[in-house]
Amino acid sequence: MADMRRKDFCTACRKKTEYVLQKKNIEKTIREKDYSFQITVAVCAECGEEMNIPGLIDKNNLEIDEQFRTAEGIVSIDDIEKLMKIYKIGKAPLSLALGFGEVTIARYMEGQIPSKEYSDIIREALVSPVYMKQKLSDNRMKLTDAAYKKAMSAAESIEKLLSVSDQMLRVIAYIFEKLGEVSPLMLQKLLYFIQGVYLALYGKPVFTEDCRAWTHGPVYAEVYNLFRDFKYNPVEDARFALLEGKVGLLTAEEKKAVDLVVQTFGRYGARMMEQITNSEIPWKEARKGYDEGIPSNEIIQKERIRQYYVEINRLYNIGTEKGLNKYIESILRNAS
């Protein structure tokens, strides 16, 4: 059996020794500004000295590059790649569309760091198809007909896809930030619970969209259409970048409602959450007259959701995780 332990030559010990990877803070000056970076180092298990193992310098350069870009709010190479995928546009056409020199994007892809001004333009194009359409129109004469039409068509398609409100997108982005992977069915239930909790605690809706009483529980049709087009895991789709950067626009109250729901309802699977929603009065009332399996576009009125959750709040104090968990346990117990 091969020796799977990590070993390399230690110049201090003058022999091949085992080593461990650790994090180390270093200070570095870039463009006359001091930064603190955390890099990976290999430490000899015998003498404790640092070792120069293959590939470590490249890894450190990547770590410094990523941390510098984060500190300065500079887009990454991955961001630029997503931008090209989203709008189906090459390096040179993208450079011209954004108002840069023809080889600028190519240089950025090779590792050159953009200025803050150019980085902000790239980021805005990444998150806003409306902004990208404007840039394409402004620089129409610099592009070939084929490149222009292909990118504009992609931008218009994405604009139609994002038919939900900005506030809904912010809430969805925060859910993904907290949970990582979320199935479309689970997302629908979480959005419904967030709306209910927020209505009960603050007396107003967290987003404007209405949900409908579909067979498997409340569904926000606009969100359903959005994620139906994301054929794989949404986080792995380049277009998911359109949601990034929206979380910071949520208020403390809005984040609290999402946190409460994610940390309670979010512990259950989508089918268990469906059991909860379909045991609640608002969904049941909206489904009256519809047989099992028959589709319904009946809206579950926000006011009815508010009334229901205000009463639940009175009984369980759902402004706390403890209270919400008590409610969940109670409704699941009664539903079984």
C-alpha atoms as a PDB file:
ATOM      1  CA  MET A   1       0.000   0.000   0.000  1.00  0.00           C
ATOM      2  CA  ALA A   2       1.387   3.400  -0.999  1.00  0.00           C
ATOM      3  CA  ASP A   3       2.391   5.907   1.706  1.00  0.00           C
ATOM      4  CA  MET A   4      -0.342   8.560   1.557  1.00  0.00           C
ATOM      5  CA  ARG A   5       1.253  10.882   4.124  1.00  0.00           C
ATOM      6  CA  ARG A   6       2.407  14.256   2.806  1.00  0.00           C
ATOM      7  CA  LYS A   7       6.202  14.382   2.572  1.00  0.00           C
ATOM      8  CA  ASP A   8       8.788  16.598   0.915  1.00  0.00           C
ATOM      9  CA  PHE A   9      12.411  17.633   1.319  1.00  0.00           C
ATOM     10  CA  CYS A  10      13.070  19.861   4.338  1.00  0.00           C
ATOM     11  CA  THR A  11      16.145  22.056   3.792  1.00  0.00           C
ATOM     12  CA  ALA A  12      16.578  22.469   7.560  1.00  0.00           C
ATOM     13  CA  CYS A  13      16.492  18.739   8.347  1.00  0.00           C
ATOM     14  CA  ARG A  14      18.312  17.886   5.079  1.00  0.00           C
ATOM     15  CA  LYS A  15      15.964  14.976   4.462  1.00  0.00           C
ATOM     16  CA  LYS A  16      12.458  14.091   3.327  1.00  0.00           C
ATOM     17  CA  THR A  17      10.006  14.688   6.167  1.00  0.00           C
ATOM     18  CA  GLU A  18       6.285  14.891   6.763  1.00  0.00           C
ATOM     19  CA  TYR A  19       4.710  18.309   6.749  1.00  0.00           C
ATOM     20  CA  VAL A  20       1.426  19.943   7.731  1.00  0.00           C
ATOM     21  CA  LEU A  21      -0.374  22.808   6.019  1.00  0.00           C
ATOM     22  CA  GLN A  22      -1.169  25.817   8.186  1.00  0.00           C
ATOM     23  CA  LYS A  23      -2.423  29.360   7.740  1.00  0.00           C
ATOM     24  CA  LYS A  24      -0.080  32.298   8.278  1.00  0.00           C
ATOM     25  CA  ASN A  25      -0.710  36.044   8.305  1.00  0.00           C
ATOM     26  CA  ILE A  26       1.641  38.198   6.258  1.00  0.00           C
ATOM     27  CA  GLU A  27       1.867  41.928   5.599  1.00  0.00           C
ATOM     28  CA  LYS A  28       2.229  43.159   2.039  1.00  0.00           C
ATOM     29  CA  THR A  29       2.255  46.592   0.386  1.00  0.00           C
ATOM     30  CA  ILE A  30       0.371  46.946  -2.904  1.00  0.00           C
ATOM     31  CA  ARG A  31       0.131  50.283  -4.717  1.00  0.00           C
ATOM     32  CA  GLU A  32       1.547  52.056  -1.679  1.00  0.00           C
ATOM     33  CA  LYS A  33      -1.129  50.618   0.615  1.00  0.00           C
ATOM     34  CA  ASP A  34      -0.530  48.062   3.393  1.00  0.00           C
ATOM     35  CA  TYR A  35      -2.579  44.856   3.539  1.00  0.00           C
ATOM     36  CA  SER A  36      -2.734  41.802   5.798  1.00  0.00           C
ATOM     37  CA  PHE A  37      -3.193  38.495   3.983  1.00  0.00           C
ATOM     38  CA  GLN A  38      -3.689  34.943   5.216  1.00  0.00           C
ATOM     39  CA  ILE A  39      -1.715  32.425   3.164  1.00  0.00           C
ATOM     40  CA  THR A  40      -1.038  28.686   3.338  1.00  0.00           C
ATOM     41  CA  VAL A  41       2.379  27.468   4.480  1.00  0.00           C
ATOM     42  CA  ALA A  42       3.890  23.988   4.785  1.00  0.00           C
ATOM     43  CA  VAL A  43       5.551  23.317   8.137  1.00  0.00           C
ATOM     44  CA  CYS A  44       7.981  20.470   8.777  1.00  0.00           C
ATOM     45  CA  ALA A  45       6.524  18.054  11.327  1.00  0.00           C
ATOM     46  CA  GLU A  46       9.994  17.426  12.800  1.00  0.00           C
ATOM     47  CA  CYS A  47      11.758  20.803  13.055  1.00  0.00           C
ATOM     48  CA  GLY A  48       8.850  23.246  12.631  1.00  0.00           C
ATOM     49  CA  GLU A  49      10.516  25.194   9.813  1.00  0.00           C
ATOM     50  CA  GLU A  50       8.586  26.230   6.720  1.00  0.00           C
ATOM     51  CA  MET A  51       9.092  24.112   3.609  1.00  0.00           C
ATOM     52  CA  ASN A  52       8.886  25.095  -0.039  1.00  0.00           C
ATOM     53  CA  ILE A  53       6.679  22.405  -1.538  1.00  0.00           C
ATOM     54  CA  PRO A  54       5.642  22.275  -5.229  1.00  0.00           C
ATOM     55  CA  GLY A  55       2.668  24.447  -6.149  1.00  0.00           C
ATOM     56  CA  LEU A  56       2.649  26.428  -2.900  1.00  0.00           C
ATOM     57  CA  ILE A  57       3.864  29.700  -4.430  1.00  0.00           C
ATOM     58  CA  ASP A  58       1.086  29.586  -7.037  1.00  0.00           C
ATOM     59  CA  LYS A  59      -1.448  28.856  -4.289  1.00  0.00           C
ATOM     60  CA  ASN A  60      -0.182  31.813  -2.234  1.00  0.00           C
ATOM     61  CA  ASN A  61      -0.426  34.119  -5.242  1.00  0.00           C
ATOM     62  CA  LEU A  62      -4.037  33.071  -5.784  1.00  0.00           C
ATOM     63  CA  GLU A  63      -4.845  33.549  -2.096  1.00  0.00           C
ATOM     64  CA  ILE A  64      -3.346  37.042  -2.087  1.00  0.00           C
ATOM     65  CA  ASP A  65      -5.101  37.947  -5.338  1.00  0.00           C
ATOM     66  CA  GLU A  66      -8.510  36.804  -4.051  1.00  0.00           C
ATOM     67  CA  GLN A  67      -8.127  38.554  -0.697  1.00  0.00           C
ATOM     68  CA  PHE A  68      -6.892  41.771  -2.319  1.00  0.00           C
ATOM     69  CA  ARG A  69      -9.840  41.824  -4.719  1.00  0.00           C
ATOM     70  CA  THR A  70     -12.245  41.214  -1.839  1.00  0.00           C
ATOM     71  CA  ALA A  71     -10.681  43.969   0.271  1.00  0.00           C
ATOM     72  CA  GLU A  72     -10.884  46.475  -2.577  1.00  0.00           C
ATOM     73  CA  GLY A  73     -14.227  45.308  -3.977  1.00  0.00           C
ATOM     74  CA  ILE A  74     -12.634  44.243  -7.265  1.00  0.00           C
ATOM     75  CA  VAL A  75     -14.305  41.641  -9.492  1.00  0.00           C
ATOM     76  CA  SER A  76     -12.627  38.256  -9.877  1.00  0.00           C
ATOM     77  CA  ILE A  77     -11.667  36.377 -13.043  1.00  0.00           C
ATOM     78  CA  ASP A  78     -14.563  34.036 -12.246  1.00  0.00           C
ATOM     79  CA  ASP A  79     -16.937  37.024 -12.269  1.00  0.00           C
ATOM     80  CA  ILE A  80     -15.753  38.019 -15.746  1.00  0.00           C
ATOM     81  CA  GLU A  81     -16.154  34.440 -16.985  1.00  0.00           C
ATOM     82  CA  LYS A  82     -19.743  34.429 -15.681  1.00  0.00           C
ATOM     83  CA  LEU A  83     -20.410  37.728 -17.439  1.00  0.00           C
ATOM     84  CA  MET A  84     -19.256  36.277 -20.756  1.00  0.00           C
ATOM     85  CA  LYS A  85     -21.394  33.133 -20.242  1.00  0.00           C
ATOM     86  CA  ILE A  86     -24.493  35.066 -19.231  1.00  0.00           C
ATOM     87  CA  TYR A  87     -24.424  37.366 -22.249  1.00  0.00           C
ATOM     88  CA  LYS A  88     -22.846  34.877 -24.664  1.00  0.00           C
ATOM     89  CA  ILE A  89     -20.094  37.283 -25.606  1.00  0.00           C
ATOM     90  CA  GLY A  90     -16.345  36.923 -26.172  1.00  0.00           C
ATOM     91  CA  LYS A  91     -13.478  38.831 -24.578  1.00  0.00           C
ATOM     92  CA  ALA A  92     -12.889  41.443 -27.277  1.00  0.00           C
ATOM     93  CA  PRO A  93     -16.602  42.183 -27.919  1.00  0.00           C
ATOM     94  CA  LEU A  94     -17.217  42.436 -24.162  1.00  0.00           C
ATOM     95  CA  SER A  95     -14.362  44.919 -23.810  1.00  0.00           C
ATOM     96  CA  LEU A  96     -15.833  47.092 -26.548  1.00  0.00           C
ATOM     97  CA  ALA A  97     -19.403  46.742 -25.268  1.00  0.00           C
ATOM     98  CA  LEU A  98     -18.347  48.007 -21.836  1.00  0.00           C
ATOM     99  CA  GLY A  99     -16.456  50.932 -23.337  1.00  0.00           C
ATOM    100  CA  PHE A 100     -12.949  49.543 -22.665  1.00  0.00           C
ATOM    101  CA  GLY A 101     -10.038  48.987 -24.999  1.00  0.00           C
ATOM    102  CA  GLU A 102     -10.356  45.890 -27.174  1.00  0.00           C
ATOM    103  CA  VAL A 103      -7.786  43.796 -25.241  1.00  0.00           C
ATOM    104  CA  THR A 104      -8.713  44.949 -21.720  1.00  0.00           C
ATOM    105  CA  ILE A 105     -10.866  41.956 -20.773  1.00  0.00           C
ATOM    106  CA  ALA A 106      -8.254  39.556 -22.191  1.00  0.00           C
ATOM    107  CA  ARG A 107      -5.641  41.144 -19.907  1.00  0.00           C
ATOM    108  CA  TYR A 108      -7.945  40.837 -16.920  1.00  0.00           C
ATOM    109  CA  MET A 109      -8.464  37.154 -17.723  1.00  0.00           C
ATOM    110  CA  GLU A 110      -4.687  36.702 -17.654  1.00  0.00           C
ATOM    111  CA  GLY A 111      -4.526  38.126 -14.121  1.00  0.00           C
ATOM    112  CA  GLN A 112      -4.188  41.880 -14.489  1.00  0.00           C
ATOM    113  CA  ILE A 113      -6.265  43.571 -11.772  1.00  0.00           C
ATOM    114  CA  PRO A 114      -8.920  46.031 -13.000  1.00  0.00           C
ATOM    115  CA  SER A 115      -9.143  49.575 -11.673  1.00  0.00           C
ATOM    116  CA  LYS A 116     -12.004  50.186  -9.242  1.00  0.00           C
ATOM    117  CA  GLU A 117     -13.812  52.199 -11.919  1.00  0.00           C
ATOM    118  CA  TYR A 118     -13.654  49.420 -14.506  1.00  0.00           C
ATOM    119  CA  SER A 119     -14.416  46.771 -11.877  1.00  0.00           C
ATOM    120  CA  ASP A 120     -17.614  48.605 -10.903  1.00  0.00           C
ATOM    121  CA  ILE A 121     -18.709  48.688 -14.556  1.00  0.00           C
ATOM    122  CA  ILE A 122     -18.132  44.940 -14.897  1.00  0.00           C
ATOM    123  CA  ARG A 123     -19.979  44.202 -11.638  1.00  0.00           C
ATOM    124  CA  GLU A 124     -22.984  46.334 -12.611  1.00  0.00           C
ATOM    125  CA  ALA A 125     -23.191  44.569 -15.970  1.00  0.00           C
ATOM    126  CA  LEU A 126     -23.011  41.238 -14.156  1.00  0.00           C
ATOM    127  CA  VAL A 127     -25.972  41.927 -11.883  1.00  0.00           C
ATOM    128  CA  SER A 128     -28.164  44.091 -14.134  1.00  0.00           C
ATOM    129  CA  PRO A 129     -29.344  43.074 -17.615  1.00  0.00           C
ATOM    130  CA  VAL A 130     -30.864  46.562 -17.947  1.00  0.00           C
ATOM    131  CA  TYR A 131     -27.431  48.129 -17.444  1.00  0.00           C
ATOM    132  CA  MET A 132     -25.849  45.668 -19.893  1.00  0.00           C
ATOM    133  CA  LYS A 133     -28.464  46.516 -22.526  1.00  0.00           C
ATOM    134  CA  GLN A 134     -27.634  50.199 -22.107  1.00  0.00           C
ATOM    135  CA  LYS A 135     -23.894  49.545 -22.505  1.00  0.00           C
ATOM    136  CA  LEU A 136     -24.553  47.466 -25.617  1.00  0.00           C
ATOM    137  CA  SER A 137     -26.671  50.273 -27.094  1.00  0.00           C
ATOM    138  CA  ASP A 138     -24.113  52.956 -26.199  1.00  0.00           C
ATOM    139  CA  ASN A 139     -21.320  51.044 -27.937  1.00  0.00           C
ATOM    140  CA  ARG A 140     -23.372  49.527 -30.765  1.00  0.00           C
ATOM    141  CA  MET A 141     -21.130  50.908 -33.542  1.00  0.00           C
ATOM    142  CA  LYS A 142     -18.027  49.226 -32.091  1.00  0.00           C
ATOM    143  CA  LEU A 143     -19.544  45.734 -32.296  1.00  0.00           C
ATOM    144  CA  THR A 144     -20.246  43.390 -35.169  1.00  0.00           C
ATOM    145  CA  ASP A 145     -23.912  42.755 -35.924  1.00  0.00           C
ATOM    146  CA  ALA A 146     -23.586  39.137 -34.819  1.00  0.00           C
ATOM    147  CA  ALA A 147     -21.968  39.952 -31.450  1.00  0.00           C
ATOM    148  CA  TYR A 148     -24.431  42.755 -30.736  1.00  0.00           C
ATOM    149  CA  LYS A 149     -27.547  40.746 -31.581  1.00  0.00           C
ATOM    150  CA  LYS A 150     -26.404  37.688 -29.626  1.00  0.00           C
ATOM    151  CA  ALA A 151     -25.558  39.660 -26.472  1.00  0.00           C
ATOM    152  CA  MET A 152     -28.671  41.854 -26.675  1.00  0.00           C
ATOM    153  CA  SER A 153     -30.892  38.811 -27.133  1.00  0.00           C
ATOM    154  CA  ALA A 154     -29.327  37.198 -24.042  1.00  0.00           C
ATOM    155  CA  ALA A 155     -29.805  40.392 -22.012  1.00  0.00           C
ATOM    156  CA  GLU A 156     -33.465  40.686 -23.049  1.00  0.00           C
ATOM    157  CA  SER A 157     -34.044  37.020 -22.222  1.00  0.00           C
ATOM    158  CA  ILE A 158     -32.560  37.429 -18.746  1.00  0.00           C
ATOM    159  CA  GLU A 159     -34.520  40.631 -18.167  1.00  0.00           C
ATOM    160  CA  LYS A 160     -37.761  38.749 -18.861  1.00  0.00           C
ATOM    161  CA  LEU A 161     -36.601  35.885 -16.664  1.00  0.00           C
ATOM    162  CA  LEU A 162     -36.082  38.208 -13.717  1.00  0.00           C
ATOM    163  CA  SER A 163     -39.720  39.240 -13.576  1.00  0.00           C
ATOM    164  CA  VAL A 164     -39.790  39.117  -9.777  1.00  0.00           C
ATOM    165  CA  SER A 165     -39.338  42.243  -7.672  1.00  0.00           C
ATOM    166  CA  ASP A 166     -35.905  43.343  -6.507  1.00  0.00           C
ATOM    167  CA  GLN A 167     -37.044  42.772  -2.930  1.00  0.00           C
ATOM    168  CA  MET A 168     -37.983  39.165  -3.689  1.00  0.00           C
ATOM    169  CA  LEU A 169     -34.560  38.655  -5.300  1.00  0.00           C
ATOM    170  CA  ARG A 170     -32.877  40.063  -2.180  1.00  0.00           C
ATOM    171  CA  VAL A 171     -34.732  37.638   0.060  1.00  0.00           C
ATOM    172  CA  ILE A 172     -33.947  34.701  -2.257  1.00  0.00           C
ATOM    173  CA  ALA A 173     -30.262  35.687  -2.360  1.00  0.00           C
ATOM    174  CA  TYR A 174     -30.154  35.793   1.448  1.00  0.00           C
ATOM    175  CA  ILE A 175     -31.784  32.362   1.714  1.00  0.00           C
ATOM    176  CA  PHE A 176     -29.122  30.899  -0.568  1.00  0.00           C
ATOM    177  CA  GLU A 177     -26.384  32.693   1.385  1.00  0.00           C
ATOM    178  CA  LYS A 178     -27.631  31.091   4.605  1.00  0.00           C
ATOM    179  CA  LEU A 179     -28.419  27.591   3.316  1.00  0.00           C
ATOM    180  CA  GLY A 180     -26.281  27.055   0.209  1.00  0.00           C
ATOM    181  CA  GLU A 181     -28.186  24.630  -1.997  1.00  0.00           C
ATOM    182  CA  VAL A 182     -31.976  25.008  -1.889  1.00  0.00           C
ATOM    183  CA  SER A 183     -34.408  23.044  -4.037  1.00  0.00           C
ATOM    184  CA  PRO A 184     -37.155  24.992  -5.879  1.00  0.00           C
ATOM    185  CA  LEU A 185     -39.833  23.243  -3.784  1.00  0.00           C
ATOM    186  CA  MET A 186     -38.079  24.097  -0.527  1.00  0.00           C
ATOM    187  CA  LEU A 187     -37.528  27.697  -1.649  1.00  0.00           C
ATOM    188  CA  GLN A 188     -41.259  28.174  -2.253  1.00  0.00           C
ATOM    189  CA  LYS A 189     -42.121  27.027   1.261  1.00  0.00           C
ATOM    190  CA  LEU A 190     -39.435  29.168   2.879  1.00  0.00           C
ATOM    191  CA  LEU A 191     -40.671  32.277   1.038  1.00  0.00           C
ATOM    192  CA  TYR A 192     -44.225  31.639   2.253  1.00  0.00           C
ATOM    193  CA  PHE A 193     -43.121  31.205   5.867  1.00  0.00           C
ATOM    194  CA  ILE A 194     -40.921  34.322   5.680  1.00  0.00           C
ATOM    195  CA  GLN A 195     -43.867  36.346   4.412  1.00  0.00           C
ATOM    196  CA  GLY A 196     -46.077  35.007   7.203  1.00  0.00           C
ATOM    197  CA  VAL A 197     -43.564  35.667   9.968  1.00  0.00           C
ATOM    198  CA  TYR A 198     -42.763  39.152   8.672  1.00  0.00           C
ATOM    199  CA  LEU A 199     -46.443  40.063   8.365  1.00  0.00           C
ATOM    200  CA  ALA A 200     -47.064  38.932  11.930  1.00  0.00           C
ATOM    201  CA  LEU A 201     -44.066  40.746  13.410  1.00  0.00           C
ATOM    202  CA  TYR A 202     -44.128  43.981  11.414  1.00  0.00           C
ATOM    203  CA  GLY A 203     -47.629  44.262   9.969  1.00  0.00           C
ATOM    204  CA  LYS A 204     -46.561  44.639   6.335  1.00  0.00           C
ATOM    205  CA  PRO A 205     -45.386  42.283   3.561  1.00  0.00           C
ATOM    206  CA  VAL A 206     -41.672  41.697   3.041  1.00  0.00           C
ATOM    207  CA  PHE A 207     -42.241  41.448  -0.749  1.00  0.00           C
ATOM    208  CA  THR A 208     -45.160  42.351  -3.011  1.00  0.00           C
ATOM    209  CA  GLU A 209     -45.689  39.059  -4.872  1.00  0.00           C
ATOM    210  CA  ASP A 210     -48.805  36.998  -4.117  1.00  0.00           C
ATOM    211  CA  CYS A 211     -48.613  33.253  -3.630  1.00  0.00           C
ATOM    212  CA  ARG A 212     -51.152  30.841  -5.061  1.00  0.00           C
ATOM    213  CA  ALA A 213     -52.702  27.718  -3.561  1.00  0.00           C
ATOM    214  CA  TRP A 214     -51.192  25.017  -5.755  1.00  0.00           C
ATOM    215  CA  THR A 215     -51.646  21.329  -4.982  1.00  0.00           C
ATOM    216  CA  HIS A 216     -48.343  20.978  -3.137  1.00  0.00           C
ATOM    217  CA  GLY A 217     -48.685  24.157  -1.124  1.00  0.00           C
ATOM    218  CA  PRO A 218     -48.246  27.910  -1.619  1.00  0.00           C
ATOM    219  CA  VAL A 219     -46.315  28.824  -4.776  1.00  0.00           C
ATOM    220  CA  TYR A 220     -44.991  32.144  -6.038  1.00  0.00           C
ATOM    221  CA  ALA A 221     -45.503  31.680  -9.783  1.00  0.00           C
ATOM    222  CA  GLU A 222     -42.857  34.242 -10.766  1.00  0.00           C
ATOM    223  CA  VAL A 223     -40.248  32.430  -8.688  1.00  0.00           C
ATOM    224  CA  TYR A 224     -41.385  29.080 -10.073  1.00  0.00           C
ATOM    225  CA  ASN A 225     -40.836  30.337 -13.625  1.00  0.00           C
ATOM    226  CA  LEU A 226     -37.438  31.784 -12.713  1.00  0.00           C
ATOM    227  CA  PHE A 227     -36.005  28.584 -11.267  1.00  0.00           C
ATOM    228  CA  ARG A 228     -37.683  26.319 -13.790  1.00  0.00           C
ATOM    229  CA  ASP A 229     -35.356  27.890 -16.356  1.00  0.00           C
ATOM    230  CA  PHE A 230     -32.337  27.124 -14.124  1.00  0.00           C
ATOM    231  CA  LYS A 231     -32.149  23.506 -15.207  1.00  0.00           C
ATOM    232  CA  TYR A 232     -29.376  22.480 -12.793  1.00  0.00           C
ATOM    233  CA  ASN A 233     -28.376  23.535  -9.292  1.00  0.00           C
ATOM    234  CA  PRO A 234     -29.050  27.321  -9.382  1.00  0.00           C
ATOM    235  CA  VAL A 235     -25.813  28.134  -7.540  1.00  0.00           C
ATOM    236  CA  GLU A 236     -23.811  26.448 -10.318  1.00  0.00           C
ATOM    237  CA  ASP A 237     -25.597  28.428 -13.059  1.00  0.00           C
ATOM    238  CA  ALA A 238     -23.631  31.500 -14.191  1.00  0.00           C
ATOM    239  CA  ARG A 239     -26.860  33.507 -14.096  1.00  0.00           C
ATOM    240  CA  PHE A 240     -27.045  33.032 -10.332  1.00  0.00           C
ATOM    241  CA  ALA A 241     -24.516  35.877 -10.202  1.00  0.00           C
ATOM    242  CA  LEU A 242     -27.471  38.150 -10.929  1.00  0.00           C
ATOM    243  CA  LEU A 243     -28.641  37.532  -7.353  1.00  0.00           C
ATOM    244  CA  GLU A 244     -25.294  38.225  -5.730  1.00  0.00           C
ATOM    245  CA  GLY A 245     -24.753  41.601  -4.124  1.00  0.00           C
ATOM    246  CA  LYS A 246     -28.431  42.076  -3.323  1.00  0.00           C
ATOM    247  CA  VAL A 247     -28.286  40.755   0.260  1.00  0.00           C
ATOM    248  CA  GLY A 248     -26.744  43.944   1.639  1.00  0.00           C
ATOM    249  CA  LEU A 249     -29.891  45.862   0.691  1.00  0.00           C
ATOM    250  CA  LEU A 250     -32.079  43.975   3.208  1.00  0.00           C
ATOM    251  CA  THR A 251     -32.958  45.709   6.469  1.00  0.00           C
ATOM    252  CA  ALA A 252     -32.175  44.249   9.887  1.00  0.00           C
ATOM    253  CA  GLU A 253     -35.865  43.401  10.348  1.00  0.00           C
ATOM    254  CA  GLU A 254     -36.013  41.604   6.996  1.00  0.00           C
ATOM    255  CA  LYS A 255     -32.895  39.607   7.789  1.00  0.00           C
ATOM    256  CA  LYS A 256     -34.315  38.692  11.184  1.00  0.00           C
ATOM    257  CA  ALA A 257     -37.441  37.214   9.595  1.00  0.00           C
ATOM    258  CA  VAL A 258     -35.373  35.199   7.113  1.00  0.00           C
ATOM    259  CA  ASP A 259     -33.011  34.021   9.855  1.00  0.00           C
ATOM    260  CA  LEU A 260     -35.918  32.880  12.044  1.00  0.00           C
ATOM    261  CA  VAL A 261     -37.447  30.847   9.222  1.00  0.00           C
ATOM    262  CA  VAL A 262     -34.170  29.396   7.931  1.00  0.00           C
ATOM    263  CA  GLN A 263     -33.094  28.292  11.415  1.00  0.00           C
ATOM    264  CA  THR A 264     -36.440  26.629  12.185  1.00  0.00           C
ATOM    265  CA  PHE A 265     -38.476  25.599   9.132  1.00  0.00           C
ATOM    266  CA  GLY A 266     -35.216  25.320   7.188  1.00  0.00           C
ATOM    267  CA  ARG A 267     -34.204  22.279   9.260  1.00  0.00           C
ATOM    268  CA  TYR A 268     -36.981  20.260   7.644  1.00  0.00           C
ATOM    269  CA  GLY A 269     -37.196  18.828   4.149  1.00  0.00           C
ATOM    270  CA  ALA A 270     -39.436  20.267   1.447  1.00  0.00           C
ATOM    271  CA  ARG A 271     -42.063  17.520   1.872  1.00  0.00           C
ATOM    272  CA  MET A 272     -42.250  18.098   5.634  1.00  0.00           C
ATOM    273  CA  MET A 273     -42.697  21.824   5.046  1.00  0.00           C
ATOM    274  CA  GLU A 274     -45.434  21.014   2.537  1.00  0.00           C
ATOM    275  CA  GLN A 275     -47.185  19.060   5.277  1.00  0.00           C
ATOM    276  CA  ILE A 276     -47.056  22.195   7.448  1.00  0.00           C
ATOM    277  CA  THR A 277     -48.338  24.655   4.802  1.00  0.00           C
ATOM    278  CA  ASN A 278     -51.118  22.289   3.778  1.00  0.00           C
ATOM    279  CA  SER A 279     -52.256  22.036   7.395  1.00  0.00           C
ATOM    280  CA  GLU A 280     -52.564  25.794   7.738  1.00  0.00           C
ATOM    281  CA  ILE A 281     -55.888  27.613   7.359  1.00  0.00           C
ATOM    282  CA  PRO A 282     -54.886  30.133   4.611  1.00  0.00           C
ATOM    283  CA  TRP A 283     -53.919  27.394   2.141  1.00  0.00           C
ATOM    284  CA  LYS A 284     -56.913  25.228   3.064  1.00  0.00           C
ATOM    285  CA  GLU A 285     -59.361  28.099   2.551  1.00  0.00           C
ATOM    286  CA  ALA A 286     -57.877  28.990  -0.844  1.00  0.00           C
ATOM    287  CA  ARG A 287     -58.058  25.342  -1.935  1.00  0.00           C
ATOM    288  CA  LYS A 288     -61.761  24.928  -1.129  1.00  0.00           C
ATOM    289  CA  GLY A 289     -63.623  23.544  -4.103  1.00  0.00           C
ATOM    290  CA  TYR A 290     -60.516  22.053  -5.706  1.00  0.00           C
ATOM    291  CA  ASP A 291     -60.032  18.303  -5.712  1.00  0.00           C
ATOM    292  CA  GLU A 292     -56.691  16.758  -4.828  1.00  0.00           C
ATOM    293  CA  GLY A 293     -54.320  17.066  -7.782  1.00  0.00           C
ATOM    294  CA  ILE A 294     -56.402  19.717  -9.537  1.00  0.00           C
ATOM    295  CA  PRO A 295     -54.323  22.867 -10.252  1.00  0.00           C
ATOM    296  CA  SER A 296     -55.454  26.132  -8.681  1.00  0.00           C
ATOM    297  CA  ASN A 297     -54.380  29.703  -9.317  1.00  0.00           C
ATOM    298  CA  GLU A 298     -56.369  30.934  -6.338  1.00  0.00           C
ATOM    299  CA  ILE A 299     -54.390  33.646  -4.523  1.00  0.00           C
ATOM    300  CA  ILE A 300     -53.754  33.223  -0.818  1.00  0.00           C
ATOM    301  CA  GLN A 301     -54.450  36.777   0.268  1.00  0.00           C
ATOM    302  CA  LYS A 302     -51.673  38.498   2.224  1.00  0.00           C
ATOM    303  CA  GLU A 303     -54.208  39.800   4.730  1.00  0.00           C
ATOM    304  CA  ARG A 304     -55.385  36.255   5.447  1.00  0.00           C
ATOM    305  CA  ILE A 305     -51.790  35.123   5.924  1.00  0.00           C
ATOM    306  CA  ARG A 306     -51.208  38.073   8.251  1.00  0.00           C
ATOM    307  CA  GLN A 307     -54.287  37.289  10.341  1.00  0.00           C
ATOM    308  CA  TYR A 308     -53.287  33.653  10.673  1.00  0.00           C
ATOM    309  CA  TYR A 309     -49.703  34.368  11.670  1.00  0.00           C
ATOM    310  CA  VAL A 310     -50.683  37.166  14.065  1.00  0.00           C
ATOM    311  CA  GLU A 311     -52.761  34.574  15.938  1.00  0.00           C
ATOM    312  CA  ILE A 312     -49.897  32.064  15.794  1.00  0.00           C
ATOM    313  CA  ASN A 313     -47.601  34.758  17.176  1.00  0.00           C
ATOM    314  CA  ARG A 314     -50.030  35.397  20.031  1.00  0.00           C
ATOM    315  CA  LEU A 315     -50.045  31.706  20.909  1.00  0.00           C
ATOM    316  CA  TYR A 316     -46.370  30.815  20.360  1.00  0.00           C
ATOM    317  CA  ASN A 317     -44.311  34.044  20.217  1.00  0.00           C
ATOM    318  CA  ILE A 318     -42.856  33.367  16.767  1.00  0.00           C
ATOM    319  CA  GLY A 319     -40.455  36.275  17.048  1.00  0.00           C
ATOM    320  CA  THR A 320     -38.113  33.722  18.641  1.00  0.00           C
ATOM    321  CA  GLU A 321     -36.696  30.420  17.393  1.00  0.00           C
ATOM    322  CA  LYS A 322     -38.078  28.694  20.476  1.00  0.00           C
ATOM    323  CA  GLY A 323     -41.588  29.924  19.732  1.00  0.00           C
ATOM    324  CA  LEU A 324     -41.436  28.982  16.054  1.00  0.00           C
ATOM    325  CA  ASN A 325     -40.141  25.512  16.896  1.00  0.00           C
ATOM    326  CA  LYS A 326     -43.033  25.012  19.328  1.00  0.00           C
ATOM    327  CA  TYR A 327     -45.485  25.961  16.580  1.00  0.00           C
ATOM    328  CA  ILE A 328     -43.851  23.620  14.075  1.00  0.00           C
ATOM    329  CA  GLU A 329     -43.860  20.711  16.540  1.00  0.00           C
ATOM    330  CA  SER A 330     -47.510  21.365  17.358  1.00  0.00           C
ATOM    331  CA  ILE A 331     -48.733  21.462  13.770  1.00  0.00           C
ATOM    332  CA  LEU A 332     -46.734  18.381  12.768  1.00  0.00           C
ATOM    333  CA  ARG A 333     -48.062  16.508  15.781  1.00  0.00           C
ATOM    334  CA  ASN A 334     -51.652  17.382  14.860  1.00  0.00           C
ATOM    335  CA  ALA A 335     -51.091  16.577  11.188  1.00  0.00           C
ATOM    336  CA  SER A 336     -49.738  13.068  11.854  1.00  0.00           C
END
